[in-house]
């Protein structure tokens, strides 16, 4: 059994880097089937994580402007 990887702690950039490594390995085509399946599984987790992070940022961007179209004070650290 493979160890469970905790991707929740990764930044968007770190997740994208790991995803790029996985894609490159799979594109090489010299990967045993079991390893390819594990790479695919990890890639899907990373892809989901990146999508969630992008959606979160998009929602924050919507809330930066108040109803009058003025910039709201925004603290990046508040959501960590």
Protein backbone atom coordinates (compact mmCIF):
# COMPACT_ATOMS: atom_id res chain seq x y z
CA UNK A 1 0.00 0.00 0.00
CA UNK A 2 1.30 3.47 -0.80
CA UNK A 3 1.58 6.19 1.80
CA UNK A 4 -1.15 8.82 1.90
CA UNK A 5 0.12 12.17 0.64
CA UNK A 6 -1.08 15.34 2.34
CA UNK A 7 -1.48 17.91 -0.41
CA UNK A 8 -3.65 20.27 1.67
CA UNK A 9 -0.58 22.11 2.97
CA UNK A 10 0.72 22.97 -0.51
CA UNK A 11 0.51 26.40 -2.05
CA UNK A 12 -0.99 26.75 -5.51
CA UNK A 13 2.49 27.10 -7.00
CA UNK A 14 3.81 24.01 -5.21
CA UNK A 15 0.81 21.96 -6.34
CA UNK A 16 1.29 23.09 -9.93
CA UNK A 17 4.97 22.14 -9.82
CA UNK A 18 4.13 18.65 -8.53
CA UNK A 19 1.42 18.30 -11.15
CA UNK A 20 3.87 19.28 -13.89
CA UNK A 21 6.35 16.63 -12.69
CA UNK A 22 3.61 13.99 -12.78
CA UNK A 23 2.51 14.99 -16.28
CA UNK A 24 6.10 14.85 -17.52
CA UNK A 25 6.59 11.37 -16.05
CA UNK A 26 3.38 10.12 -17.64
CA UNK A 27 4.26 11.67 -21.00
CA UNK A 28 7.57 9.79 -21.02
CA UNK A 29 5.48 6.64 -21.36
CA UNK A 30 8.01 4.37 -19.66
CA UNK A 31 6.01 3.98 -16.45
CA UNK A 32 4.69 0.63 -15.16
CA UNK A 33 0.91 0.45 -15.09
CA UNK A 34 0.61 0.45 -11.29
CA UNK A 35 2.88 3.50 -11.02
CA UNK A 36 0.98 5.26 -13.81
CA UNK A 37 -2.28 4.73 -11.94
CA UNK A 38 -0.74 6.15 -8.76
CA UNK A 39 0.59 9.16 -10.69
CA UNK A 40 -2.84 9.68 -12.26
CA UNK A 41 -4.52 9.50 -8.84
CA UNK A 42 -2.07 12.01 -7.37
CA UNK A 43 -2.47 14.25 -10.42
CA UNK A 44 -6.24 14.31 -9.99
CA UNK A 45 -5.87 15.27 -6.31
CA UNK A 46 -3.46 18.06 -7.23
CA UNK A 47 -5.72 19.25 -10.03
CA UNK A 48 -8.68 19.40 -7.63
CA UNK A 49 -6.59 21.30 -5.08
CA UNK A 50 -5.50 23.86 -7.69
CA UNK A 51 -9.08 24.31 -8.86
CA UNK A 52 -10.27 24.87 -5.29
CA UNK A 53 -7.54 27.42 -4.65
CA UNK A 54 -8.37 29.30 -7.87
CA UNK A 55 -12.07 29.31 -7.01
CA UNK A 56 -11.26 30.64 -3.54
CA UNK A 57 -9.17 33.46 -5.00
CA UNK A 58 -11.90 34.28 -7.50
CA UNK A 59 -14.44 34.56 -4.67
CA UNK A 60 -12.09 36.83 -2.73
CA UNK A 61 -11.63 39.07 -5.77
CA UNK A 62 -15.39 39.53 -6.00
CA UNK A 63 -15.48 40.68 -2.37
CA UNK A 64 -12.62 43.16 -2.67
CA UNK A 65 -14.95 45.77 -4.13
CA UNK A 66 -17.82 46.97 -2.00
CA UNK A 67 -21.31 47.73 -3.29
CA UNK A 68 -20.27 51.27 -4.30
CA UNK A 69 -17.41 49.91 -6.40
CA UNK A 70 -14.78 51.12 -3.96
CA UNK A 71 -11.89 48.99 -2.80
CA UNK A 72 -12.43 47.27 0.52
CA UNK A 73 -9.51 46.80 2.90
CA UNK A 74 -8.26 43.27 2.34
CA UNK A 75 -5.85 41.30 4.50
CA UNK A 76 -4.32 38.29 2.76
CA UNK A 77 -3.26 36.84 6.11
CA UNK A 78 -6.82 36.69 7.51
CA UNK A 79 -7.76 33.47 5.68
CA UNK A 80 -4.68 31.43 6.54
